[in-house]
PDB file of all heavy atoms in Angstrom:
ATOM      1  N   VAL A   1      75.900 110.645  28.037  1.00  0.00           N
ATOM      2  CA  VAL A   1      75.945 110.379  29.477  1.00  0.00           C
ATOM      3  C   VAL A   1      76.148 111.691  30.227  1.00  0.00           C
ATOM      4  O   VAL A   1      75.399 112.027  31.149  1.00  0.00           O
ATOM      5  CB  VAL A   1      77.066 109.364  29.811  1.00  0.00           C
ATOM      6  CG1 VAL A   1      77.319 109.298  31.310  1.00  0.00           C
ATOM      7  CG2 VAL A   1      76.729 107.987  29.255  1.00  0.00           C
ATOM      8  N   ASP A   2      77.155 112.448  29.835  1.00  0.00           N
ATOM      9  CA  ASP A   2      77.434 113.727  30.481  1.00  0.00           C
ATOM     10  C   ASP A   2      76.245 114.678  30.346  1.00  0.00           C
ATOM     11  O   ASP A   2      75.870 115.354  31.303  1.00  0.00           O
ATOM     12  CB  ASP A   2      78.693 114.357  29.879  1.00  0.00           C
ATOM     13  CG  ASP A   2      78.977 115.718  30.469  1.00  0.00           C
ATOM     14  OD1 ASP A   2      79.227 115.799  31.686  1.00  0.00           O
ATOM     15  OD2 ASP A   2      78.923 116.709  29.715  1.00  0.00           O
ATOM     16  N   TYR A   3      75.634 114.721  29.177  1.00  0.00           N
ATOM     17  CA  TYR A   3      74.493 115.607  28.950  1.00  0.00           C
ATOM     18  C   TYR A   3      73.332 115.231  29.862  1.00  0.00           C
ATOM     19  O   TYR A   3      72.701 116.109  30.477  1.00  0.00           O
ATOM     20  CB  TYR A   3      74.074 115.553  27.476  1.00  0.00           C
ATOM     21  CG  TYR A   3      73.218 116.719  27.054  1.00  0.00           C
ATOM     22  CD1 TYR A   3      73.800 117.910  26.636  1.00  0.00           C
ATOM     23  CD2 TYR A   3      71.836 116.639  27.065  1.00  0.00           C
ATOM     24  CE1 TYR A   3      73.017 118.989  26.241  1.00  0.00           C
ATOM     25  CE2 TYR A   3      71.054 117.704  26.670  1.00  0.00           C
ATOM     26  CZ  TYR A   3      71.649 118.879  26.259  1.00  0.00           C
ATOM     27  OH  TYR A   3      70.873 119.949  25.874  1.00  0.00           O
ATOM     28  N   CYS A   4      73.036 113.948  29.979  1.00  0.00           N
ATOM     29  CA  CYS A   4      71.949 113.492  30.858  1.00  0.00           C
ATOM     30  C   CYS A   4      72.183 113.948  32.293  1.00  0.00           C
ATOM     31  O   CYS A   4      71.265 114.458  32.954  1.00  0.00           O
ATOM     32  CB  CYS A   4      71.862 111.966  30.847  1.00  0.00           C
ATOM     33  SG  CYS A   4      71.246 111.255  29.322  1.00  0.00           S
ATOM     34  N   LEU A   5      73.394 113.760  32.781  1.00  0.00           N
ATOM     35  CA  LEU A   5      73.713 114.141  34.153  1.00  0.00           C
ATOM     36  C   LEU A   5      73.640 115.653  34.332  1.00  0.00           C
ATOM     37  O   LEU A   5      73.173 116.142  35.368  1.00  0.00           O
ATOM     38  CB  LEU A   5      75.094 113.613  34.532  1.00  0.00           C
ATOM     39  CG  LEU A   5      75.253 112.083  34.481  1.00  0.00           C
ATOM     40  CD1 LEU A   5      76.713 111.701  34.656  1.00  0.00           C
ATOM     41  CD2 LEU A   5      74.364 111.385  35.487  1.00  0.00           C
ATOM     42  N   SER A   6      74.069 116.401  33.334  1.00  0.00           N
ATOM     43  CA  SER A   6      74.071 117.865  33.408  1.00  0.00           C
ATOM     44  C   SER A   6      72.672 118.463  33.364  1.00  0.00           C
ATOM     45  O   SER A   6      72.382 119.413  34.095  1.00  0.00           O
ATOM     46  CB  SER A   6      74.918 118.446  32.271  1.00  0.00           C
ATOM     47  OG  SER A   6      76.270 118.050  32.409  1.00  0.00           O
ATOM     48  N   ILE A   7      71.802 117.930  32.518  1.00  0.00           N
ATOM     49  CA  ILE A   7      70.465 118.517  32.400  1.00  0.00           C
ATOM     50  C   ILE A   7      69.624 118.284  33.642  1.00  0.00           C
ATOM     51  O   ILE A   7      68.707 119.041  33.924  1.00  0.00           O
ATOM     52  CB  ILE A   7      69.708 118.030  31.145  1.00  0.00           C
ATOM     53  CG1 ILE A   7      69.534 116.521  31.163  1.00  0.00           C
ATOM     54  CG2 ILE A   7      70.386 118.502  29.878  1.00  0.00           C
ATOM     55  CD1 ILE A   7      68.219 116.071  30.630  1.00  0.00           C
ATOM     56  N   LYS A   8      69.940 117.247  34.396  1.00  0.00           N
ATOM     57  CA  LYS A   8      69.193 116.976  35.628  1.00  0.00           C
ATOM     58  C   LYS A   8      69.342 118.132  36.616  1.00  0.00           C
ATOM     59  O   LYS A   8      68.437 118.409  37.386  1.00  0.00           O
ATOM     60  CB  LYS A   8      69.633 115.657  36.241  1.00  0.00           C
ATOM     61  CG  LYS A   8      69.157 114.467  35.421  1.00  0.00           C
ATOM     62  CD  LYS A   8      69.608 113.148  36.019  1.00  0.00           C
ATOM     63  CE  LYS A   8      69.290 111.994  35.131  1.00  0.00           C
ATOM     64  NZ  LYS A   8      67.889 111.668  35.012  1.00  0.00           N
ATOM     65  N   HIS A   9      70.480 118.834  36.585  1.00  0.00           N
ATOM     66  CA  HIS A   9      70.690 119.998  37.453  1.00  0.00           C
ATOM     67  C   HIS A   9      69.765 121.154  37.082  1.00  0.00           C
ATOM     68  O   HIS A   9      69.539 122.049  37.889  1.00  0.00           O
ATOM     69  CB  HIS A   9      72.145 120.465  37.397  1.00  0.00           C
ATOM     70  CG  HIS A   9      73.115 119.427  37.822  1.00  0.00           C
ATOM     71  ND1 HIS A   9      73.115 118.861  39.072  1.00  0.00           N
ATOM     72  CD2 HIS A   9      74.141 118.848  37.152  1.00  0.00           C
ATOM     73  CE1 HIS A   9      74.078 117.971  39.156  1.00  0.00           C
ATOM     74  NE2 HIS A   9      74.710 117.950  38.007  1.00  0.00           N
ATOM     75  N   LEU A  10      69.244 121.131  35.867  1.00  0.00           N
ATOM     76  CA  LEU A  10      68.320 122.167  35.410  1.00  0.00           C
ATOM     77  C   LEU A  10      66.861 121.742  35.562  1.00  0.00           C
ATOM     78  O   LEU A  10      65.957 122.452  35.136  1.00  0.00           O
ATOM     79  CB  LEU A  10      68.611 122.520  33.948  1.00  0.00           C
ATOM     80  CG  LEU A  10      70.012 123.066  33.650  1.00  0.00           C
ATOM     81  CD1 LEU A  10      70.201 123.251  32.148  1.00  0.00           C
ATOM     82  CD2 LEU A  10      70.258 124.357  34.397  1.00  0.00           C
ATOM     83  N   GLY A  11      66.632 120.559  36.142  1.00  0.00           N
ATOM     84  CA  GLY A  11      65.270 120.084  36.368  1.00  0.00           C
ATOM     85  C   GLY A  11      64.677 119.258  35.245  1.00  0.00           C
ATOM     86  O   GLY A  11      63.475 118.982  35.248  1.00  0.00           O
ATOM     87  N   PHE A  12      65.491 118.858  34.289  1.00  0.00           N
ATOM     88  CA  PHE A  12      65.005 118.054  33.170  1.00  0.00           C
ATOM     89  C   PHE A  12      65.268 116.569  33.415  1.00  0.00           C
ATOM     90  O   PHE A  12      66.114 116.204  34.224  1.00  0.00           O
ATOM     91  CB  PHE A  12      65.689 118.486  31.871  1.00  0.00           C
ATOM     92  CG  PHE A  12      65.343 119.875  31.438  1.00  0.00           C
ATOM     93  CD1 PHE A  12      66.264 120.902  31.561  1.00  0.00           C
ATOM     94  CD2 PHE A  12      64.094 120.164  30.906  1.00  0.00           C
ATOM     95  CE1 PHE A  12      65.961 122.196  31.163  1.00  0.00           C
ATOM     96  CE2 PHE A  12      63.773 121.450  30.509  1.00  0.00           C
ATOM     97  CZ  PHE A  12      64.706 122.467  30.632  1.00  0.00           C
ATOM     98  N   ASP A  13      64.546 115.738  32.665  1.00  0.00           N
ATOM     99  CA  ASP A  13      64.680 114.291  32.780  1.00  0.00           C
ATOM    100  C   ASP A  13      65.189 113.687  31.481  1.00  0.00           C
ATOM    101  O   ASP A  13      65.020 114.254  30.398  1.00  0.00           O
ATOM    102  CB  ASP A  13      63.319 113.653  33.114  1.00  0.00           C
ATOM    103  CG  ASP A  13      62.820 114.054  34.490  1.00  0.00           C
ATOM    104  OD1 ASP A  13      63.619 114.039  35.440  1.00  0.00           O
ATOM    105  OD2 ASP A  13      61.622 114.383  34.610  1.00  0.00           O
ATOM    106  N   ALA A  14      65.781 112.487  31.627  1.00  0.00           N
ATOM    107  CA  ALA A  14      66.229 111.680  30.492  1.00  0.00           C
ATOM    108  C   ALA A  14      65.321 110.463  30.392  1.00  0.00           C
ATOM    109  O   ALA A  14      64.985 109.854  31.404  1.00  0.00           O
ATOM    110  CB  ALA A  14      67.677 111.259  30.690  1.00  0.00           C
ATOM    111  N   TYR A  15      64.944 110.116  29.177  1.00  0.00           N
ATOM    112  CA  TYR A  15      64.026 109.002  28.943  1.00  0.00           C
ATOM    113  C   TYR A  15      64.566 108.048  27.882  1.00  0.00           C
ATOM    114  O   TYR A  15      65.176 108.488  26.907  1.00  0.00           O
ATOM    115  CB  TYR A  15      62.678 109.506  28.413  1.00  0.00           C
ATOM    116  CG  TYR A  15      61.848 110.292  29.383  1.00  0.00           C
ATOM    117  CD1 TYR A  15      61.989 111.672  29.502  1.00  0.00           C
ATOM    118  CD2 TYR A  15      60.874 109.654  30.159  1.00  0.00           C
ATOM    119  CE1 TYR A  15      61.191 112.398  30.374  1.00  0.00           C
ATOM    120  CE2 TYR A  15      60.073 110.382  31.039  1.00  0.00           C
ATOM    121  CZ  TYR A  15      60.239 111.743  31.139  1.00  0.00           C
ATOM    122  OH  TYR A  15      59.450 112.467  31.999  1.00  0.00           O
ATOM    123  N   VAL A  16      64.256 106.762  28.059  1.00  0.00           N
ATOM    124  CA  VAL A  16      64.416 105.799  26.981  1.00  0.00           C
ATOM    125  C   VAL A  16      63.052 105.643  26.328  1.00  0.00           C
ATOM    126  O   VAL A  16      62.040 105.446  27.013  1.00  0.00           O
ATOM    127  CB  VAL A  16      64.912 104.425  27.485  1.00  0.00           C
ATOM    128  CG1 VAL A  16      64.933 103.409  26.346  1.00  0.00           C
ATOM    129  CG2 VAL A  16      66.296 104.539  28.092  1.00  0.00           C
ATOM    130  N   LEU A  17      63.017 105.753  25.015  1.00  0.00           N
ATOM    131  CA  LEU A  17      61.784 105.602  24.260  1.00  0.00           C
ATOM    132  C   LEU A  17      61.537 104.123  23.955  1.00  0.00           C
ATOM    133  O   LEU A  17      62.482 103.379  23.704  1.00  0.00           O
ATOM    134  CB  LEU A  17      61.872 106.377  22.939  1.00  0.00           C
ATOM    135  CG  LEU A  17      62.170 107.874  23.053  1.00  0.00           C
ATOM    136  CD1 LEU A  17      62.345 108.481  21.669  1.00  0.00           C
ATOM    137  CD2 LEU A  17      61.084 108.585  23.836  1.00  0.00           C
ATOM    138  N   PRO A  18      60.278 103.695  23.920  1.00  0.00           N
ATOM    139  CA  PRO A  18      59.978 102.286  23.668  1.00  0.00           C
ATOM    140  C   PRO A  18      59.965 101.914  22.187  1.00  0.00           C
ATOM    141  O   PRO A  18      59.462 100.870  21.811  1.00  0.00           O
ATOM    142  CB  PRO A  18      58.579 102.129  24.280  1.00  0.00           C
ATOM    143  CG  PRO A  18      57.952 103.463  24.077  1.00  0.00           C
ATOM    144  CD  PRO A  18      59.082 104.461  24.259  1.00  0.00           C
ATOM    145  N   ILE A  19      60.536 102.753  21.360  1.00  0.00           N
ATOM    146  CA  ILE A  19      60.479 102.564  19.914  1.00  0.00           C
ATOM    147  C   ILE A  19      61.749 101.833  19.466  1.00  0.00           C
ATOM    148  O   ILE A  19      62.860 102.311  19.678  1.00  0.00           O
ATOM    149  CB  ILE A  19      60.355 103.928  19.201  1.00  0.00           C
ATOM    150  CG1 ILE A  19      59.203 104.740  19.801  1.00  0.00           C
ATOM    151  CG2 ILE A  19      60.148 103.722  17.711  1.00  0.00           C
ATOM    152  CD1 ILE A  19      59.184 106.189  19.368  1.00  0.00           C
ATOM    153  N   PRO A  20      61.619 100.666  18.833  1.00  0.00           N
ATOM    154  CA  PRO A  20      62.797  99.879  18.478  1.00  0.00           C
ATOM    155  C   PRO A  20      63.595 100.468  17.313  1.00  0.00           C
ATOM    156  O   PRO A  20      63.058 101.180  16.465  1.00  0.00           O
ATOM    157  CB  PRO A  20      62.217  98.520  18.097  1.00  0.00           C
ATOM    158  CG  PRO A  20      60.807  98.785  17.718  1.00  0.00           C
ATOM    159  CD  PRO A  20      60.367  99.994  18.490  1.00  0.00           C
ATOM    160  N   VAL A  21      64.887 100.160  17.316  1.00  0.00           N
ATOM    161  CA  VAL A  21      65.791 100.457  16.196  1.00  0.00           C
ATOM    162  C   VAL A  21      66.732  99.265  16.036  1.00  0.00           C
ATOM    163  O   VAL A  21      66.823  98.406  16.910  1.00  0.00           O
ATOM    164  CB  VAL A  21      66.624 101.746  16.416  1.00  0.00           C
ATOM    165  CG1 VAL A  21      65.746 102.966  16.548  1.00  0.00           C
ATOM    166  CG2 VAL A  21      67.560 101.628  17.587  1.00  0.00           C
ATOM    167  N   TYR A  22      67.432  99.265  14.926  1.00  0.00           N
ATOM    168  CA  TYR A  22      68.477  98.264  14.690  1.00  0.00           C
ATOM    169  C   TYR A  22      69.808  98.996  14.577  1.00  0.00           C
ATOM    170  O   TYR A  22      69.964  99.908  13.756  1.00  0.00           O
ATOM    171  CB  TYR A  22      68.203  97.455  13.420  1.00  0.00           C
ATOM    172  CG  TYR A  22      69.355  96.572  13.020  1.00  0.00           C
ATOM    173  CD1 TYR A  22      69.831  95.579  13.873  1.00  0.00           C
ATOM    174  CD2 TYR A  22      69.990  96.740  11.794  1.00  0.00           C
ATOM    175  CE1 TYR A  22      70.900  94.773  13.517  1.00  0.00           C
ATOM    176  CE2 TYR A  22      71.050  95.942  11.421  1.00  0.00           C
ATOM    177  CZ  TYR A  22      71.506  94.960  12.283  1.00  0.00           C
ATOM    178  OH  TYR A  22      72.571  94.179  11.931  1.00  0.00           O
ATOM    179  N   HIS A  23      70.760  98.624  15.417  1.00  0.00           N
ATOM    180  CA  HIS A  23      72.111  99.188  15.399  1.00  0.00           C
ATOM    181  C   HIS A  23      73.035  98.121  14.830  1.00  0.00           C
ATOM    182  O   HIS A  23      73.246  97.091  15.458  1.00  0.00           O
ATOM    183  CB  HIS A  23      72.514  99.578  16.827  1.00  0.00           C
ATOM    184  CG  HIS A  23      73.793 100.330  16.910  1.00  0.00           C
ATOM    185  ND1 HIS A  23      74.515 100.422  18.074  1.00  0.00           N
ATOM    186  CD2 HIS A  23      74.499 101.039  15.995  1.00  0.00           C
ATOM    187  CE1 HIS A  23      75.601 101.144  17.877  1.00  0.00           C
ATOM    188  NE2 HIS A  23      75.607 101.531  16.624  1.00  0.00           N
ATOM    189  N   ARG A  24      73.573  98.370  13.659  1.00  0.00           N
ATOM    190  CA  ARG A  24      74.388  97.362  12.981  1.00  0.00           C
ATOM    191  C   ARG A  24      75.605  96.944  13.796  1.00  0.00           C
ATOM    192  O   ARG A  24      76.005  95.799  13.782  1.00  0.00           O
ATOM    193  CB  ARG A  24      74.827  97.877  11.617  1.00  0.00           C
ATOM    194  CG  ARG A  24      73.695  97.943  10.656  1.00  0.00           C
ATOM    195  CD  ARG A  24      74.165  98.278   9.250  1.00  0.00           C
ATOM    196  NE  ARG A  24      73.006  98.269   8.377  1.00  0.00           N
ATOM    197  CZ  ARG A  24      72.680  99.247   7.569  1.00  0.00           C
ATOM    198  NH1 ARG A  24      73.418 100.319   7.501  1.00  0.00           N
ATOM    199  NH2 ARG A  24      71.602  99.155   6.822  1.00  0.00           N
ATOM    200  N   SER A  25      76.187  97.886  14.485  1.00  0.00           N
ATOM    201  CA  SER A  25      77.371  97.593  15.294  1.00  0.00           C
ATOM    202  C   SER A  25      76.987  96.767  16.506  1.00  0.00           C
ATOM    203  O   SER A  25      75.910  96.915  17.069  1.00  0.00           O
ATOM    204  CB  SER A  25      78.010  98.905  15.763  1.00  0.00           C
ATOM    205  OG  SER A  25      78.980  98.666  16.746  1.00  0.00           O
ATOM    206  N   ALA A  26      77.904  95.913  16.936  1.00  0.00           N
ATOM    207  CA  ALA A  26      77.700  95.186  18.196  1.00  0.00           C
ATOM    208  C   ALA A  26      78.120  96.056  19.372  1.00  0.00           C
ATOM    209  O   ALA A  26      78.018  95.647  20.520  1.00  0.00           O
ATOM    210  CB  ALA A  26      78.476  93.887  18.183  1.00  0.00           C
ATOM    211  N   ALA A  27      78.639  97.261  19.088  1.00  0.00           N
ATOM    212  CA  ALA A  27      78.902  98.292  20.088  1.00  0.00           C
ATOM    213  C   ALA A  27      80.030  97.975  21.061  1.00  0.00           C
ATOM    214  O   ALA A  27      79.974  98.339  22.216  1.00  0.00           O
ATOM    215  CB  ALA A  27      77.622  98.626  20.838  1.00  0.00           C
ATOM    216  N   TYR A  28      81.051  97.312  20.609  1.00  0.00           N
ATOM    217  CA  TYR A  28      82.197  97.051  21.469  1.00  0.00           C
ATOM    218  C   TYR A  28      83.381  97.865  20.970  1.00  0.00           C
ATOM    219  O   TYR A  28      84.160  97.410  20.151  1.00  0.00           O
ATOM    220  CB  TYR A  28      82.550  95.562  21.470  1.00  0.00           C
ATOM    221  CG  TYR A  28      81.398  94.700  21.899  1.00  0.00           C
ATOM    222  CD1 TYR A  28      80.762  93.864  20.999  1.00  0.00           C
ATOM    223  CD2 TYR A  28      80.926  94.752  23.199  1.00  0.00           C
ATOM    224  CE1 TYR A  28      79.695  93.077  21.389  1.00  0.00           C
ATOM    225  CE2 TYR A  28      79.849  93.973  23.595  1.00  0.00           C
ATOM    226  CZ  TYR A  28      79.251  93.136  22.700  1.00  0.00           C
ATOM    227  OH  TYR A  28      78.192  92.371  23.091  1.00  0.00           O
ATOM    228  N   SER A  29      83.512  99.083  21.462  1.00  0.00           N
ATOM    229  CA  SER A  29      84.581  99.953  20.955  1.00  0.00           C
ATOM    230  C   SER A  29      85.195 100.769  22.095  1.00  0.00           C
ATOM    231  O   SER A  29      85.259 101.982  22.023  1.00  0.00           O
ATOM    232  CB  SER A  29      84.044 100.872  19.864  1.00  0.00           C
ATOM    233  OG  SER A  29      83.009 101.675  20.386  1.00  0.00           O
ATOM    234  N   LEU A  30      85.615 100.106  23.135  1.00  0.00           N
ATOM    235  CA  LEU A  30      86.207 100.812  24.263  1.00  0.00           C
ATOM    236  C   LEU A  30      87.703 100.990  24.023  1.00  0.00           C
ATOM    237  O   LEU A  30      88.477 100.061  24.140  1.00  0.00           O
ATOM    238  CB  LEU A  30      85.965 100.049  25.572  1.00  0.00           C
ATOM    239  CG  LEU A  30      84.506  99.854  25.946  1.00  0.00           C
ATOM    240  CD1 LEU A  30      84.406  99.184  27.299  1.00  0.00           C
ATOM    241  CD2 LEU A  30      83.784 101.172  25.967  1.00  0.00           C
ATOM    242  N   SER A  31      88.068 102.211  23.702  1.00  0.00           N
ATOM    243  CA  SER A  31      89.463 102.541  23.449  1.00  0.00           C
ATOM    244  C   SER A  31      90.032 103.257  24.673  1.00  0.00           C
ATOM    245  O   SER A  31      89.319 103.546  25.633  1.00  0.00           O
ATOM    246  CB  SER A  31      89.554 103.452  22.226  1.00  0.00           C
ATOM    247  OG  SER A  31      88.846 104.652  22.491  1.00  0.00           O
ATOM    248  N   GLU A  32      91.291 103.581  24.606  1.00  0.00           N
ATOM    249  CA  GLU A  32      91.915 104.344  25.687  1.00  0.00           C
ATOM    250  C   GLU A  32      91.204 105.688  25.868  1.00  0.00           C
ATOM    251  O   GLU A  32      91.021 106.155  26.990  1.00  0.00           O
ATOM    252  CB  GLU A  32      93.398 104.570  25.386  1.00  0.00           C
ATOM    253  CG  GLU A  32      94.116 105.303  26.488  1.00  0.00           C
ATOM    254  CD  GLU A  32      95.601 105.505  26.200  1.00  0.00           C
ATOM    255  OE1 GLU A  32      96.130 104.859  25.286  1.00  0.00           O
ATOM    256  OE2 GLU A  32      96.217 106.321  26.903  1.00  0.00           O
ATOM    257  N   SER A  33      90.772 106.291  24.762  1.00  0.00           N
ATOM    258  CA  SER A  33      90.095 107.584  24.858  1.00  0.00           C
ATOM    259  C   SER A  33      88.771 107.469  25.610  1.00  0.00           C
ATOM    260  O   SER A  33      88.345 108.433  26.250  1.00  0.00           O
ATOM    261  CB  SER A  33      89.891 108.197  23.477  1.00  0.00           C
ATOM    262  OG  SER A  33      88.999 107.435  22.703  1.00  0.00           O
ATOM    263  N   TYR A  34      88.122 106.303  25.560  1.00  0.00           N
ATOM    264  CA  TYR A  34      86.890 106.106  26.325  1.00  0.00           C
ATOM    265  C   TYR A  34      87.170 106.303  27.811  1.00  0.00           C
ATOM    266  O   TYR A  34      86.443 107.008  28.503  1.00  0.00           O
ATOM    267  CB  TYR A  34      86.312 104.706  26.083  1.00  0.00           C
ATOM    268  CG  TYR A  34      85.072 104.439  26.919  1.00  0.00           C
ATOM    269  CD1 TYR A  34      83.811 104.759  26.426  1.00  0.00           C
ATOM    270  CD2 TYR A  34      85.161 103.911  28.201  1.00  0.00           C
ATOM    271  CE1 TYR A  34      82.675 104.544  27.190  1.00  0.00           C
ATOM    272  CE2 TYR A  34      84.027 103.698  28.970  1.00  0.00           C
ATOM    273  CZ  TYR A  34      82.793 104.011  28.458  1.00  0.00           C
ATOM    274  OH  TYR A  34      81.673 103.814  29.226  1.00  0.00           O
ATOM    275  N   TYR A  35      88.222 105.693  28.290  1.00  0.00           N
ATOM    276  CA  TYR A  35      88.539 105.750  29.713  1.00  0.00           C
ATOM    277  C   TYR A  35      89.032 107.134  30.142  1.00  0.00           C
ATOM    278  O   TYR A  35      88.786 107.556  31.272  1.00  0.00           O
ATOM    279  CB  TYR A  35      89.529 104.645  30.085  1.00  0.00           C
ATOM    280  CG  TYR A  35      88.882 103.290  29.949  1.00  0.00           C
ATOM    281  CD1 TYR A  35      89.117 102.484  28.850  1.00  0.00           C
ATOM    282  CD2 TYR A  35      87.982 102.842  30.906  1.00  0.00           C
ATOM    283  CE1 TYR A  35      88.492 101.259  28.718  1.00  0.00           C
ATOM    284  CE2 TYR A  35      87.343 101.612  30.777  1.00  0.00           C
ATOM    285  CZ  TYR A  35      87.617 100.827  29.682  1.00  0.00           C
ATOM    286  OH  TYR A  35      86.978  99.620  29.558  1.00  0.00           O
ATOM    287  N   ILE A  36      89.671 107.848  29.250  1.00  0.00           N
ATOM    288  CA  ILE A  36      90.078 109.230  29.542  1.00  0.00           C
ATOM    289  C   ILE A  36      88.831 110.101  29.696  1.00  0.00           C
ATOM    290  O   ILE A  36      88.702 110.872  30.650  1.00  0.00           O
ATOM    291  CB  ILE A  36      91.009 109.774  28.438  1.00  0.00           C
ATOM    292  CG1 ILE A  36      92.351 109.033  28.497  1.00  0.00           C
ATOM    293  CG2 ILE A  36      91.201 111.286  28.579  1.00  0.00           C
ATOM    294  CD1 ILE A  36      93.243 109.280  27.300  1.00  0.00           C
ATOM    295  N   THR A  37      87.888 109.952  28.760  1.00  0.00           N
ATOM    296  CA  THR A  37      86.645 110.712  28.841  1.00  0.00           C
ATOM    297  C   THR A  37      85.837 110.293  30.064  1.00  0.00           C
ATOM    298  O   THR A  37      85.259 111.142  30.758  1.00  0.00           O
ATOM    299  CB  THR A  37      85.818 110.540  27.553  1.00  0.00           C
ATOM    300  OG1 THR A  37      86.612 110.946  26.436  1.00  0.00           O
ATOM    301  CG2 THR A  37      84.543 111.359  27.601  1.00  0.00           C
ATOM    302  N   LEU A  38      85.801 108.999  30.352  1.00  0.00           N
ATOM    303  CA  LEU A  38      85.086 108.515  31.535  1.00  0.00           C
ATOM    304  C   LEU A  38      85.630 109.175  32.797  1.00  0.00           C
ATOM    305  O   LEU A  38      84.871 109.627  33.654  1.00  0.00           O
ATOM    306  CB  LEU A  38      85.193 106.993  31.643  1.00  0.00           C
ATOM    307  CG  LEU A  38      84.576 106.370  32.895  1.00  0.00           C
ATOM    308  CD1 LEU A  38      83.077 106.634  32.975  1.00  0.00           C
ATOM    309  CD2 LEU A  38      84.872 104.871  32.932  1.00  0.00           C
ATOM    310  N   GLU A  39      86.941 109.260  32.912  1.00  0.00           N
ATOM    311  CA  GLU A  39      87.546 109.919  34.076  1.00  0.00           C
ATOM    312  C   GLU A  39      87.094 111.371  34.176  1.00  0.00           C
ATOM    313  O   GLU A  39      86.774 111.859  35.262  1.00  0.00           O
ATOM    314  CB  GLU A  39      89.071 109.830  33.996  1.00  0.00           C
ATOM    315  CG  GLU A  39      89.757 110.344  35.233  1.00  0.00           C
ATOM    316  CD  GLU A  39      91.267 110.136  35.181  1.00  0.00           C
ATOM    317  OE1 GLU A  39      91.716 109.128  34.628  1.00  0.00           O
ATOM    318  OE2 GLU A  39      91.985 111.012  35.704  1.00  0.00           O
ATOM    319  N   ASN A  40      87.032 112.068  33.043  1.00  0.00           N
ATOM    320  CA  ASN A  40      86.563 113.461  33.031  1.00  0.00           C
ATOM    321  C   ASN A  40      85.112 113.566  33.506  1.00  0.00           C
ATOM    322  O   ASN A  40      84.775 114.462  34.279  1.00  0.00           O
ATOM    323  CB  ASN A  40      86.666 114.051  31.617  1.00  0.00           C
ATOM    324  CG  ASN A  40      88.082 114.217  31.139  1.00  0.00           C
ATOM    325  OD1 ASN A  40      89.029 114.216  31.918  1.00  0.00           O
ATOM    326  ND2 ASN A  40      88.246 114.344  29.833  1.00  0.00           N
TER     327      ASN A  40
END
């Protein structure tokens, strides 16, 4: 997320590719450290 926002200042773009993948995790891992990093 931070990298995407930072590279835009240099004139670059972020893309989602249309190529599928399978992520085994259901991706629910919001810890206290997530919110600390989010604030940063």
